[in-house]
Amino acid sequence: MSRLIVARTLLSRMKGLLFTKANDDVLLMVPCCDVHTFGMSYALDIAFIDEQGYVRSAFRDVGAGCRLRCCESYAVMERAACPRAAWYREGCFAGERVRKAIDDRRLP
């Protein structure tokens, strides 16, 4: 089972998955509505999530050198691209783990 890693600080969100090796982990950046793939050594699957935990837009196999933005999102999920594994679609619920992590944004 993949781990959900939550990035809440500015530095951790800016770093994202840079300088990591592709694995099964999923990174949730809160708050976040804009990401880039400059400097990435592998492609990403990316989903923009709103404050209620629903996917506003989703992308598969995003290569290096791209910038994506979704003004309606509050959080962004990223993972190493995995074409054979399921990924989110616009309008679907991202799951209770994601919803709880978004709700926990009020914590210090």
PDB file of N, CA and C in Angstrom:
ATOM      1  N   MET A   1       0.841  -1.180   0.000  1.00  0.00           N
ATOM      2  CA  MET A   1       0.000   0.000   0.000  1.00  0.00           C
ATOM      3  C   MET A   1       0.889   1.247   0.000  1.00  0.00           C
ATOM      4  N   SER A   2       0.515   2.235  -0.776  1.00  0.00           N
ATOM      5  CA  SER A   2       1.308   3.454  -0.852  1.00  0.00           C
ATOM      6  C   SER A   2       1.070   4.333   0.373  1.00  0.00           C
ATOM      7  N   ARG A   3       2.097   5.119   0.689  1.00  0.00           N
ATOM      8  CA  ARG A   3       1.984   6.067   1.797  1.00  0.00           C
ATOM      9  C   ARG A   3       1.465   7.395   1.257  1.00  0.00           C
ATOM     10  N   LEU A   4       0.674   8.093   2.080  1.00  0.00           N
ATOM     11  CA  LEU A   4       0.262   9.444   1.776  1.00  0.00           C
ATOM     12  C   LEU A   4       1.159  10.364   2.587  1.00  0.00           C
ATOM     13  N   ILE A   5       1.972  11.155   1.902  1.00  0.00           N
ATOM     14  CA  ILE A   5       2.887  12.086   2.547  1.00  0.00           C
ATOM     15  C   ILE A   5       2.297  13.480   2.377  1.00  0.00           C
ATOM     16  N   VAL A   6       2.138  14.200   3.485  1.00  0.00           N
ATOM     17  CA  VAL A   6       1.527  15.524   3.438  1.00  0.00           C
ATOM     18  C   VAL A   6       2.604  16.590   3.563  1.00  0.00           C
ATOM     19  N   ALA A   7       2.613  17.513   2.610  1.00  0.00           N
ATOM     20  CA  ALA A   7       3.551  18.637   2.617  1.00  0.00           C
ATOM     21  C   ALA A   7       2.762  19.901   2.945  1.00  0.00           C
ATOM     22  N   ARG A   8       2.999  20.452   4.128  1.00  0.00           N
ATOM     23  CA  ARG A   8       2.262  21.641   4.575  1.00  0.00           C
ATOM     24  C   ARG A   8       3.108  22.907   4.574  1.00  0.00           C
ATOM     25  N   THR A   9       4.419  22.772   4.711  1.00  0.00           N
ATOM     26  CA  THR A   9       5.266  23.958   4.785  1.00  0.00           C
ATOM     27  C   THR A   9       5.602  24.452   3.379  1.00  0.00           C
ATOM     28  N   LEU A  10       5.923  25.721   3.281  1.00  0.00           N
ATOM     29  CA  LEU A  10       6.288  26.289   1.989  1.00  0.00           C
ATOM     30  C   LEU A  10       7.464  25.539   1.371  1.00  0.00           C
ATOM     31  N   LEU A  11       8.476  25.258   2.167  1.00  0.00           N
ATOM     32  CA  LEU A  11       9.654  24.565   1.653  1.00  0.00           C
ATOM     33  C   LEU A  11       9.318  23.157   1.159  1.00  0.00           C
ATOM     34  N   SER A  12       8.535  22.413   1.919  1.00  0.00           N
ATOM     35  CA  SER A  12       8.201  21.045   1.504  1.00  0.00           C
ATOM     36  C   SER A  12       7.313  21.041   0.256  1.00  0.00           C
ATOM     37  N   ARG A  13       6.442  22.028   0.125  1.00  0.00           N
ATOM     38  CA  ARG A  13       5.613  22.116  -1.089  1.00  0.00           C
ATOM     39  C   ARG A  13       6.451  22.526  -2.289  1.00  0.00           C
ATOM     40  N   MET A  14       7.402  23.439  -2.090  1.00  0.00           N
ATOM     41  CA  MET A  14       8.261  23.858  -3.190  1.00  0.00           C
ATOM     42  C   MET A  14       9.129  22.703  -3.693  1.00  0.00           C
ATOM     43  N   LYS A  15       9.606  21.880  -2.773  1.00  0.00           N
ATOM     44  CA  LYS A  15      10.441  20.732  -3.148  1.00  0.00           C
ATOM     45  C   LYS A  15       9.603  19.657  -3.837  1.00  0.00           C
ATOM     46  N   GLY A  16       8.404  19.423  -3.327  1.00  0.00           N
ATOM     47  CA  GLY A  16       7.542  18.405  -3.920  1.00  0.00           C
ATOM     48  C   GLY A  16       8.255  17.066  -4.018  1.00  0.00           C
ATOM     49  N   LEU A  17       8.266  16.490  -5.204  1.00  0.00           N
ATOM     50  CA  LEU A  17       8.933  15.206  -5.431  1.00  0.00           C
ATOM     51  C   LEU A  17      10.306  15.358  -6.094  1.00  0.00           C
ATOM     52  N   LEU A  18      10.795  16.598  -6.190  1.00  0.00           N
ATOM     53  CA  LEU A  18      12.135  16.800  -6.743  1.00  0.00           C
ATOM     54  C   LEU A  18      13.166  16.031  -5.932  1.00  0.00           C
ATOM     55  N   PHE A  19      14.165  15.524  -6.609  1.00  0.00           N
ATOM     56  CA  PHE A  19      15.297  14.818  -5.993  1.00  0.00           C
ATOM     57  C   PHE A  19      14.882  13.521  -5.302  1.00  0.00           C
ATOM     58  N   THR A  20      13.746  12.962  -5.686  1.00  0.00           N
ATOM     59  CA  THR A  20      13.329  11.664  -5.151  1.00  0.00           C
ATOM     60  C   THR A  20      13.371  10.635  -6.270  1.00  0.00           C
ATOM     61  N   LYS A  21      13.350   9.389  -5.893  1.00  0.00           N
ATOM     62  CA  LYS A  21      13.245   8.302  -6.868  1.00  0.00           C
ATOM     63  C   LYS A  21      11.775   7.906  -6.972  1.00  0.00           C
ATOM     64  N   ALA A  22      11.382   7.471  -8.149  1.00  0.00           N
ATOM     65  CA  ALA A  22      10.002   7.039  -8.357  1.00  0.00           C
ATOM     66  C   ALA A  22       9.685   5.872  -7.435  1.00  0.00           C
ATOM     67  N   ASN A  23       8.546   5.973  -6.738  1.00  0.00           N
ATOM     68  CA  ASN A  23       8.072   4.893  -5.871  1.00  0.00           C
ATOM     69  C   ASN A  23       6.546   4.958  -5.813  1.00  0.00           C
ATOM     70  N   ASP A  24       5.934   4.242  -4.888  1.00  0.00           N
ATOM     71  CA  ASP A  24       4.472   4.186  -4.807  1.00  0.00           C
ATOM     72  C   ASP A  24       3.865   5.265  -3.921  1.00  0.00           C
ATOM     73  N   ASP A  25       4.684   6.102  -3.286  1.00  0.00           N
ATOM     74  CA  ASP A  25       4.156   7.120  -2.384  1.00  0.00           C
ATOM     75  C   ASP A  25       3.360   8.176  -3.144  1.00  0.00           C
ATOM     76  N   VAL A  26       2.391   8.762  -2.444  1.00  0.00           N
ATOM     77  CA  VAL A  26       1.586   9.854  -2.985  1.00  0.00           C
ATOM     78  C   VAL A  26       1.846  11.079  -2.117  1.00  0.00           C
ATOM     79  N   LEU A  27       2.163  12.195  -2.743  1.00  0.00           N
ATOM     80  CA  LEU A  27       2.427  13.442  -2.032  1.00  0.00           C
ATOM     81  C   LEU A  27       1.194  14.321  -2.133  1.00  0.00           C
ATOM     82  N   LEU A  28       0.711  14.804  -0.986  1.00  0.00           N
ATOM     83  CA  LEU A  28      -0.398  15.749  -0.931  1.00  0.00           C
ATOM     84  C   LEU A  28       0.151  17.076  -0.449  1.00  0.00           C
ATOM     85  N   MET A  29       0.033  18.105  -1.277  1.00  0.00           N
ATOM     86  CA  MET A  29       0.521  19.436  -0.918  1.00  0.00           C
ATOM     87  C   MET A  29      -0.675  20.316  -0.560  1.00  0.00           C
ATOM     88  N   VAL A  30      -0.660  20.844   0.676  1.00  0.00           N
ATOM     89  CA  VAL A  30      -1.775  21.629   1.211  1.00  0.00           C
ATOM     90  C   VAL A  30      -1.233  22.890   1.847  1.00  0.00           C
ATOM     91  N   PRO A  31      -1.680  24.079   1.527  1.00  0.00           N
ATOM     92  CA  PRO A  31      -2.503  24.417   0.377  1.00  0.00           C
ATOM     93  C   PRO A  31      -1.645  24.503  -0.879  1.00  0.00           C
ATOM     94  N   CYS A  32      -2.275  24.278  -2.018  1.00  0.00           N
ATOM     95  CA  CYS A  32      -1.543  24.315  -3.286  1.00  0.00           C
ATOM     96  C   CYS A  32      -2.547  24.311  -4.432  1.00  0.00           C
ATOM     97  N   CYS A  33      -2.274  25.119  -5.446  1.00  0.00           N
ATOM     98  CA  CYS A  33      -3.132  25.130  -6.640  1.00  0.00           C
ATOM     99  C   CYS A  33      -2.303  25.247  -7.916  1.00  0.00           C
ATOM    100  N   ASP A  34      -0.973  25.171  -7.779  1.00  0.00           N
ATOM    101  CA  ASP A  34      -0.080  25.402  -8.916  1.00  0.00           C
ATOM    102  C   ASP A  34       1.157  24.530  -8.737  1.00  0.00           C
ATOM    103  N   VAL A  35       1.491  23.729  -9.744  1.00  0.00           N
ATOM    104  CA  VAL A  35       2.676  22.867  -9.655  1.00  0.00           C
ATOM    105  C   VAL A  35       3.471  22.942 -10.955  1.00  0.00           C
ATOM    106  N   HIS A  36       4.717  22.530 -10.860  1.00  0.00           N
ATOM    107  CA  HIS A  36       5.556  22.441 -12.056  1.00  0.00           C
ATOM    108  C   HIS A  36       6.344  21.137 -11.996  1.00  0.00           C
ATOM    109  N   THR A  37       6.843  20.739 -13.155  1.00  0.00           N
ATOM    110  CA  THR A  37       7.639  19.509 -13.219  1.00  0.00           C
ATOM    111  C   THR A  37       9.050  19.795 -13.711  1.00  0.00           C
ATOM    112  N   PHE A  38       9.477  21.050 -13.602  1.00  0.00           N
ATOM    113  CA  PHE A  38      10.841  21.403 -14.006  1.00  0.00           C
ATOM    114  C   PHE A  38      11.837  20.677 -13.114  1.00  0.00           C
ATOM    115  N   GLY A  39      12.804  20.021 -13.727  1.00  0.00           N
ATOM    116  CA  GLY A  39      13.827  19.307 -12.974  1.00  0.00           C
ATOM    117  C   GLY A  39      13.464  17.885 -12.594  1.00  0.00           C
ATOM    118  N   MET A  40      12.259  17.446 -12.895  1.00  0.00           N
ATOM    119  CA  MET A  40      11.856  16.082 -12.531  1.00  0.00           C
ATOM    120  C   MET A  40      12.549  15.067 -13.442  1.00  0.00           C
ATOM    121  N   SER A  41      12.946  13.952 -12.851  1.00  0.00           N
ATOM    122  CA  SER A  41      13.611  12.907 -13.624  1.00  0.00           C
ATOM    123  C   SER A  41      12.641  11.801 -14.036  1.00  0.00           C
ATOM    124  N   TYR A  42      11.385  11.920 -13.631  1.00  0.00           N
ATOM    125  CA  TYR A  42      10.356  10.954 -14.031  1.00  0.00           C
ATOM    126  C   TYR A  42       9.021  11.685 -14.167  1.00  0.00           C
ATOM    127  N   ALA A  43       8.110  11.097 -14.918  1.00  0.00           N
ATOM    128  CA  ALA A  43       6.795  11.690 -15.157  1.00  0.00           C
ATOM    129  C   ALA A  43       5.909  11.528 -13.920  1.00  0.00           C
ATOM    130  N   LEU A  44       4.899  12.394 -13.818  1.00  0.00           N
ATOM    131  CA  LEU A  44       4.001  12.392 -12.658  1.00  0.00           C
ATOM    132  C   LEU A  44       2.546  12.241 -13.073  1.00  0.00           C
ATOM    133  N   ASP A  45       1.757  11.650 -12.180  1.00  0.00           N
ATOM    134  CA  ASP A  45       0.302  11.734 -12.229  1.00  0.00           C
ATOM    135  C   ASP A  45      -0.061  12.809 -11.210  1.00  0.00           C
ATOM    136  N   ILE A  46      -0.930  13.742 -11.592  1.00  0.00           N
ATOM    137  CA  ILE A  46      -1.236  14.902 -10.760  1.00  0.00           C
ATOM    138  C   ILE A  46      -2.745  15.071 -10.671  1.00  0.00           C
ATOM    139  N   ALA A  47      -3.248  15.358  -9.459  1.00  0.00           N
ATOM    140  CA  ALA A  47      -4.673  15.624  -9.265  1.00  0.00           C
ATOM    141  C   ALA A  47      -4.836  16.868  -8.399  1.00  0.00           C
ATOM    142  N   PHE A  48      -5.682  17.784  -8.852  1.00  0.00           N
ATOM    143  CA  PHE A  48      -6.012  18.985  -8.097  1.00  0.00           C
ATOM    144  C   PHE A  48      -7.296  18.722  -7.314  1.00  0.00           C
ATOM    145  N   ILE A  49      -7.251  18.979  -6.012  1.00  0.00           N
ATOM    146  CA  ILE A  49      -8.338  18.627  -5.090  1.00  0.00           C
ATOM    147  C   ILE A  49      -8.924  19.899  -4.477  1.00  0.00           C
ATOM    148  N   ASP A  50     -10.257  19.980  -4.367  1.00  0.00           N
ATOM    149  CA  ASP A  50     -10.862  21.145  -3.726  1.00  0.00           C
ATOM    150  C   ASP A  50     -10.955  20.945  -2.210  1.00  0.00           C
ATOM    151  N   GLU A  51     -11.472  21.941  -1.501  1.00  0.00           N
ATOM    152  CA  GLU A  51     -11.514  21.885  -0.035  1.00  0.00           C
ATOM    153  C   GLU A  51     -12.444  20.798   0.496  1.00  0.00           C
ATOM    154  N   GLN A  52     -13.369  20.335  -0.304  1.00  0.00           N
ATOM    155  CA  GLN A  52     -14.269  19.260   0.132  1.00  0.00           C
ATOM    156  C   GLN A  52     -13.697  17.870  -0.160  1.00  0.00           C
ATOM    157  N   GLY A  53     -12.561  17.811  -0.855  1.00  0.00           N
ATOM    158  CA  GLY A  53     -11.925  16.536  -1.144  1.00  0.00           C
ATOM    159  C   GLY A  53     -12.252  15.953  -2.503  1.00  0.00           C
ATOM    160  N   TYR A  54     -12.831  16.760  -3.386  1.00  0.00           N
ATOM    161  CA  TYR A  54     -13.184  16.286  -4.724  1.00  0.00           C
ATOM    162  C   TYR A  54     -12.151  16.746  -5.751  1.00  0.00           C
ATOM    163  N   VAL A  55     -11.921  15.912  -6.739  1.00  0.00           N
ATOM    164  CA  VAL A  55     -10.945  16.201  -7.785  1.00  0.00           C
ATOM    165  C   VAL A  55     -11.536  17.224  -8.748  1.00  0.00           C
ATOM    166  N   ARG A  56     -10.831  18.322  -8.930  1.00  0.00           N
ATOM    167  CA  ARG A  56     -11.245  19.370  -9.872  1.00  0.00           C
ATOM    168  C   ARG A  56     -10.667  19.109 -11.260  1.00  0.00           C
ATOM    169  N   SER A  57      -9.429  18.619 -11.322  1.00  0.00           N
ATOM    170  CA  SER A  57      -8.834  18.205 -12.590  1.00  0.00           C
ATOM    171  C   SER A  57      -7.710  17.216 -12.298  1.00  0.00           C
ATOM    172  N   ALA A  58      -7.436  16.366 -13.264  1.00  0.00           N
ATOM    173  CA  ALA A  58      -6.424  15.328 -13.079  1.00  0.00           C
ATOM    174  C   ALA A  58      -5.654  15.135 -14.383  1.00  0.00           C
ATOM    175  N   PHE A  59      -4.385  14.796 -14.233  1.00  0.00           N
ATOM    176  CA  PHE A  59      -3.497  14.624 -15.370  1.00  0.00           C
ATOM    177  C   PHE A  59      -2.679  13.353 -15.176  1.00  0.00           C
ATOM    178  N   ARG A  60      -2.410  12.667 -16.275  1.00  0.00           N
ATOM    179  CA  ARG A  60      -1.610  11.447 -16.243  1.00  0.00           C
ATOM    180  C   ARG A  60      -0.326  11.656 -17.026  1.00  0.00           C
ATOM    181  N   ASP A  61       0.760  11.044 -16.526  1.00  0.00           N
ATOM    182  CA  ASP A  61       2.022  10.963 -17.254  1.00  0.00           C
ATOM    183  C   ASP A  61       2.542  12.335 -17.708  1.00  0.00           C
ATOM    184  N   VAL A  62       2.589  13.280 -16.764  1.00  0.00           N
ATOM    185  CA  VAL A  62       3.063  14.634 -17.050  1.00  0.00           C
ATOM    186  C   VAL A  62       4.592  14.630 -17.024  1.00  0.00           C
ATOM    187  N   GLY A  63       5.190  14.953 -18.132  1.00  0.00           N
ATOM    188  CA  GLY A  63       6.645  14.943 -18.243  1.00  0.00           C
ATOM    189  C   GLY A  63       7.286  16.194 -17.673  1.00  0.00           C
ATOM    190  N   ALA A  64       8.596  16.218 -17.707  1.00  0.00           N
ATOM    191  CA  ALA A  64       9.367  17.349 -17.180  1.00  0.00           C
ATOM    192  C   ALA A  64       9.102  18.613 -17.992  1.00  0.00           C
ATOM    193  N   GLY A  65       9.224  19.752 -17.318  1.00  0.00           N
ATOM    194  CA  GLY A  65       9.120  21.033 -17.994  1.00  0.00           C
ATOM    195  C   GLY A  65       7.718  21.579 -18.151  1.00  0.00           C
ATOM    196  N   CYS A  66       6.762  21.080 -17.389  1.00  0.00           N
ATOM    197  CA  CYS A  66       5.378  21.555 -17.477  1.00  0.00           C
ATOM    198  C   CYS A  66       4.984  22.340 -16.226  1.00  0.00           C
ATOM    199  N   ARG A  67       4.015  23.214 -16.398  1.00  0.00           N
ATOM    200  CA  ARG A  67       3.411  23.914 -15.259  1.00  0.00           C
ATOM    201  C   ARG A  67       1.907  23.738 -15.380  1.00  0.00           C
ATOM    202  N   LEU A  68       1.284  23.343 -14.278  1.00  0.00           N
ATOM    203  CA  LEU A  68      -0.159  23.128 -14.243  1.00  0.00           C
ATOM    204  C   LEU A  68      -0.749  23.944 -13.100  1.00  0.00           C
ATOM    205  N   ARG A  69      -1.966  24.459 -13.320  1.00  0.00           N
ATOM    206  CA  ARG A  69      -2.626  25.279 -12.311  1.00  0.00           C
ATOM    207  C   ARG A  69      -4.128  25.022 -12.368  1.00  0.00           C
ATOM    208  N   CYS A  70      -4.748  25.033 -11.189  1.00  0.00           N
ATOM    209  CA  CYS A  70      -6.200  24.911 -11.098  1.00  0.00           C
ATOM    210  C   CYS A  70      -6.646  25.827  -9.960  1.00  0.00           C
ATOM    211  N   CYS A  71      -7.189  26.978 -10.319  1.00  0.00           N
ATOM    212  CA  CYS A  71      -7.547  27.988  -9.322  1.00  0.00           C
ATOM    213  C   CYS A  71      -8.614  27.503  -8.338  1.00  0.00           C
ATOM    214  N   GLU A  72      -9.429  26.529  -8.723  1.00  0.00           N
ATOM    215  CA  GLU A  72     -10.492  26.034  -7.847  1.00  0.00           C
ATOM    216  C   GLU A  72      -9.994  25.009  -6.830  1.00  0.00           C
ATOM    217  N   SER A  73      -8.725  24.625  -6.918  1.00  0.00           N
ATOM    218  CA  SER A  73      -8.220  23.585  -6.012  1.00  0.00           C
ATOM    219  C   SER A  73      -7.642  24.189  -4.742  1.00  0.00           C
ATOM    220  N   TYR A  74      -7.583  23.360  -3.718  1.00  0.00           N
ATOM    221  CA  TYR A  74      -6.966  23.747  -2.450  1.00  0.00           C
ATOM    222  C   TYR A  74      -5.726  22.905  -2.171  1.00  0.00           C
ATOM    223  N   ALA A  75      -5.663  21.747  -2.787  1.00  0.00           N
ATOM    224  CA  ALA A  75      -4.548  20.821  -2.567  1.00  0.00           C
ATOM    225  C   ALA A  75      -4.215  20.122  -3.878  1.00  0.00           C
ATOM    226  N   VAL A  76      -3.000  19.592  -3.936  1.00  0.00           N
ATOM    227  CA  VAL A  76      -2.564  18.858  -5.118  1.00  0.00           C
ATOM    228  C   VAL A  76      -1.945  17.537  -4.682  1.00  0.00           C
ATOM    229  N   MET A  77      -2.304  16.472  -5.387  1.00  0.00           N
ATOM    230  CA  MET A  77      -1.693  15.166  -5.152  1.00  0.00           C
ATOM    231  C   MET A  77      -0.810  14.831  -6.334  1.00  0.00           C
ATOM    232  N   GLU A  78       0.371  14.285  -6.028  1.00  0.00           N
ATOM    233  CA  GLU A  78       1.312  13.854  -7.058  1.00  0.00           C
ATOM    234  C   GLU A  78       1.822  12.466  -6.717  1.00  0.00           C
ATOM    235  N   ARG A  79       2.118  11.720  -7.743  1.00  0.00           N
ATOM    236  CA  ARG A  79       2.810  10.438  -7.597  1.00  0.00           C
ATOM    237  C   ARG A  79       3.602  10.191  -8.863  1.00  0.00           C
ATOM    238  N   ALA A  80       4.534   9.275  -8.796  1.00  0.00           N
ATOM    239  CA  ALA A  80       5.240   8.851 -10.003  1.00  0.00           C
ATOM    240  C   ALA A  80       4.203   8.270 -10.962  1.00  0.00           C
ATOM    241  N   ALA A  81       4.299   8.636 -12.223  1.00  0.00           N
ATOM    242  CA  ALA A  81       3.329   8.160 -13.211  1.00  0.00           C
ATOM    243  C   ALA A  81       3.324   6.642 -13.256  1.00  0.00           C
ATOM    244  N   CYS A  82       2.134   6.096 -13.260  1.00  0.00           N
ATOM    245  CA  CYS A  82       1.960   4.644 -13.301  1.00  0.00           C
ATOM    246  C   CYS A  82       0.763   4.362 -14.209  1.00  0.00           C
ATOM    247  N   PRO A  83       1.007   4.257 -15.513  1.00  0.00           N
ATOM    248  CA  PRO A  83      -0.093   4.123 -16.467  1.00  0.00           C
ATOM    249  C   PRO A  83      -1.019   2.936 -16.225  1.00  0.00           C
ATOM    250  N   ARG A  84      -0.505   1.884 -15.612  1.00  0.00           N
ATOM    251  CA  ARG A  84      -1.343   0.691 -15.403  1.00  0.00           C
ATOM    252  C   ARG A  84      -2.184   0.768 -14.132  1.00  0.00           C
ATOM    253  N   ALA A  85      -1.881   1.706 -13.241  1.00  0.00           N
ATOM    254  CA  ALA A  85      -2.615   1.816 -11.983  1.00  0.00           C
ATOM    255  C   ALA A  85      -3.700   2.891 -12.099  1.00  0.00           C
ATOM    256  N   ALA A  86      -4.794   2.680 -11.392  1.00  0.00           N
ATOM    257  CA  ALA A  86      -5.888   3.651 -11.400  1.00  0.00           C
ATOM    258  C   ALA A  86      -5.408   4.995 -10.862  1.00  0.00           C
ATOM    259  N   TRP A  87      -6.004   6.066 -11.362  1.00  0.00           N
ATOM    260  CA  TRP A  87      -5.719   7.413 -10.875  1.00  0.00           C
ATOM    261  C   TRP A  87      -7.036   8.174 -10.877  1.00  0.00           C
ATOM    262  N   TYR A  88      -7.043   9.307 -10.284  1.00  0.00           N
ATOM    263  CA  TYR A  88      -8.259  10.090 -10.107  1.00  0.00           C
ATOM    264  C   TYR A  88      -8.775  10.684 -11.410  1.00  0.00           C
ATOM    265  N   ARG A  89     -10.087  10.920 -11.430  1.00  0.00           N
ATOM    266  CA  ARG A  89     -10.742  11.601 -12.541  1.00  0.00           C
ATOM    267  C   ARG A  89     -11.495  12.799 -11.979  1.00  0.00           C
ATOM    268  N   GLU A  90     -11.715  13.777 -12.819  1.00  0.00           N
ATOM    269  CA  GLU A  90     -12.451  14.966 -12.404  1.00  0.00           C
ATOM    270  C   GLU A  90     -13.811  14.575 -11.824  1.00  0.00           C
ATOM    271  N   GLY A  91     -14.143  15.157 -10.678  1.00  0.00           N
ATOM    272  CA  GLY A  91     -15.436  14.920 -10.042  1.00  0.00           C
ATOM    273  C   GLY A  91     -15.456  13.808  -9.023  1.00  0.00           C
ATOM    274  N   CYS A  92     -14.448  12.948  -8.988  1.00  0.00           N
ATOM    275  CA  CYS A  92     -14.473  11.849  -8.025  1.00  0.00           C
ATOM    276  C   CYS A  92     -13.951  12.314  -6.662  1.00  0.00           C
ATOM    277  N   PHE A  93     -14.355  11.615  -5.621  1.00  0.00           N
ATOM    278  CA  PHE A  93     -13.918  11.911  -4.258  1.00  0.00           C
ATOM    279  C   PHE A  93     -12.534  11.309  -4.070  1.00  0.00           C
ATOM    280  N   ALA A  94     -11.625  12.080  -3.501  1.00  0.00           N
ATOM    281  CA  ALA A  94     -10.236  11.635  -3.380  1.00  0.00           C
ATOM    282  C   ALA A  94     -10.013  10.639  -2.252  1.00  0.00           C
ATOM    283  N   GLY A  95     -10.957  10.500  -1.335  1.00  0.00           N
ATOM    284  CA  GLY A  95     -10.825   9.519  -0.261  1.00  0.00           C
ATOM    285  C   GLY A  95     -10.729  10.161   1.108  1.00  0.00           C
ATOM    286  N   GLU A  96     -11.054   9.364   2.117  1.00  0.00           N
ATOM    287  CA  GLU A  96     -11.085   9.884   3.491  1.00  0.00           C
ATOM    288  C   GLU A  96      -9.712  10.305   3.998  1.00  0.00           C
ATOM    289  N   ARG A  97      -8.655   9.575   3.627  1.00  0.00           N
ATOM    290  CA  ARG A  97      -7.308   9.981   4.076  1.00  0.00           C
ATOM    291  C   ARG A  97      -6.965  11.366   3.558  1.00  0.00           C
ATOM    292  N   VAL A  98      -7.297  11.630   2.319  1.00  0.00           N
ATOM    293  CA  VAL A  98      -7.029  12.933   1.726  1.00  0.00           C
ATOM    294  C   VAL A  98      -7.905  13.995   2.378  1.00  0.00           C
ATOM    295  N   ARG A  99      -9.177  13.704   2.548  1.00  0.00           N
ATOM    296  CA  ARG A  99     -10.112  14.658   3.174  1.00  0.00           C
ATOM    297  C   ARG A  99      -9.655  15.016   4.576  1.00  0.00           C
ATOM    298  N   LYS A 100      -9.221  14.034   5.349  1.00  0.00           N
ATOM    299  CA  LYS A 100      -8.749  14.289   6.705  1.00  0.00           C
ATOM    300  C   LYS A 100      -7.495  15.161   6.685  1.00  0.00           C
ATOM    301  N   ALA A 101      -6.589  14.897   5.763  1.00  0.00           N
ATOM    302  CA  ALA A 101      -5.368  15.713   5.667  1.00  0.00           C
ATOM    303  C   ALA A 101      -5.700  17.149   5.303  1.00  0.00           C
ATOM    304  N   ILE A 102      -6.691  17.352   4.451  1.00  0.00           N
ATOM    305  CA  ILE A 102      -7.114  18.711   4.104  1.00  0.00           C
ATOM    306  C   ILE A 102      -7.757  19.371   5.320  1.00  0.00           C
ATOM    307  N   ASP A 103      -8.597  18.643   6.044  1.00  0.00           N
ATOM    308  CA  ASP A 103      -9.237  19.187   7.250  1.00  0.00           C
ATOM    309  C   ASP A 103      -8.218  19.541   8.323  1.00  0.00           C
ATOM    310  N   ASP A 104      -7.147  18.777   8.417  1.00  0.00           N
ATOM    311  CA  ASP A 104      -6.121  19.013   9.440  1.00  0.00           C
ATOM    312  C   ASP A 104      -5.302  20.248   9.167  1.00  0.00           C
ATOM    313  N   ARG A 105      -5.604  20.981   8.105  1.00  0.00           N
ATOM    314  CA  ARG A 105      -4.830  22.179   7.785  1.00  0.00           C
ATOM    315  C   ARG A 105      -4.906  23.230   8.867  1.00  0.00           C
ATOM    316  N   ARG A 106      -5.922  23.153   9.707  1.00  0.00           N
ATOM    317  CA  ARG A 106      -6.070  24.123  10.797  1.00  0.00           C
ATOM    318  C   ARG A 106      -5.113  23.850  11.946  1.00  0.00           C
ATOM    319  N   LEU A 107      -4.508  22.660  11.939  1.00  0.00           N
ATOM    320  CA  LEU A 107      -3.579  22.318  13.018  1.00  0.00           C
ATOM    321  C   LEU A 107      -2.259  23.053  12.826  1.00  0.00           C
ATOM    322  N   PRO A 108      -1.586  23.378  13.920  1.00  0.00           N
ATOM    323  CA  PRO A 108      -0.296  24.080  13.781  1.00  0.00           C
ATOM    324  C   PRO A 108       0.758  23.224  13.117  1.00  0.00           C
TER     325      PRO A 108
END
